Amino acid sequence: MTLTFEVAAANPRDIAVVGVPVFATGPVPRQLGLSRARLTELGFEAKPGQTLQVPVGSGPSLVAVGLGDASGVTATTLRDAAAALARAAGRRASVATSLADVDAPGLSRTAIAQAVAEGFELGTYRFTAFKSDA
C-alpha cells in the first residue's frame, strides 16, 4: 500500500473518512455533532488512541480520535492517534484529519507532521510475507 499525504485548507471532495481529534476535556469539535455527554454514553472518553465511528447521514464517515489531556500531547500521543485512525479507517482509500494542526507543547510543526505520518504508516502496515492465498 502506498501512502500519499497532501496539505489542504479544506477536505477534498473524494474523502471517505474524516478523523476529528478530541481532547479528554474542553469543547468537543462541532464537526462531530455530539456533546461530551453523548460521547461518554457511547463509551468514548477521548483516551489517547481511542476511536469512535460517529454515525452520519451522508458524506464521509466521521471518526473521533482521542488525544487525552491537551497539556500532555507528545509525538507518541500523535503517532498512536494517527495509527488508531488508520486502523479505524480500514481499507477505505482516502482519509482527512486535522491531527497535524494540534498544539503540542515543545514540538515543532515538522515534528508533529512527522509523528502523524509515522502513525499512519504504522497503522496501515500489514505483514503478509507468510500469508498464502485463500
Foldseek 3Di string as FASTA:
>chain_A
DDDDDDDDPDDDQPAAEEEEEDELDDAGPCVLVDGCVVCVVVVDRLDQLDWDFRDDDDGHTYIYFHQYHLQPHDLQSLLSRLLSVLLVCPPDDHYHYCQLVRDHPPDDSVSSVVSNVNSNVVNPDDDCPPPDDD
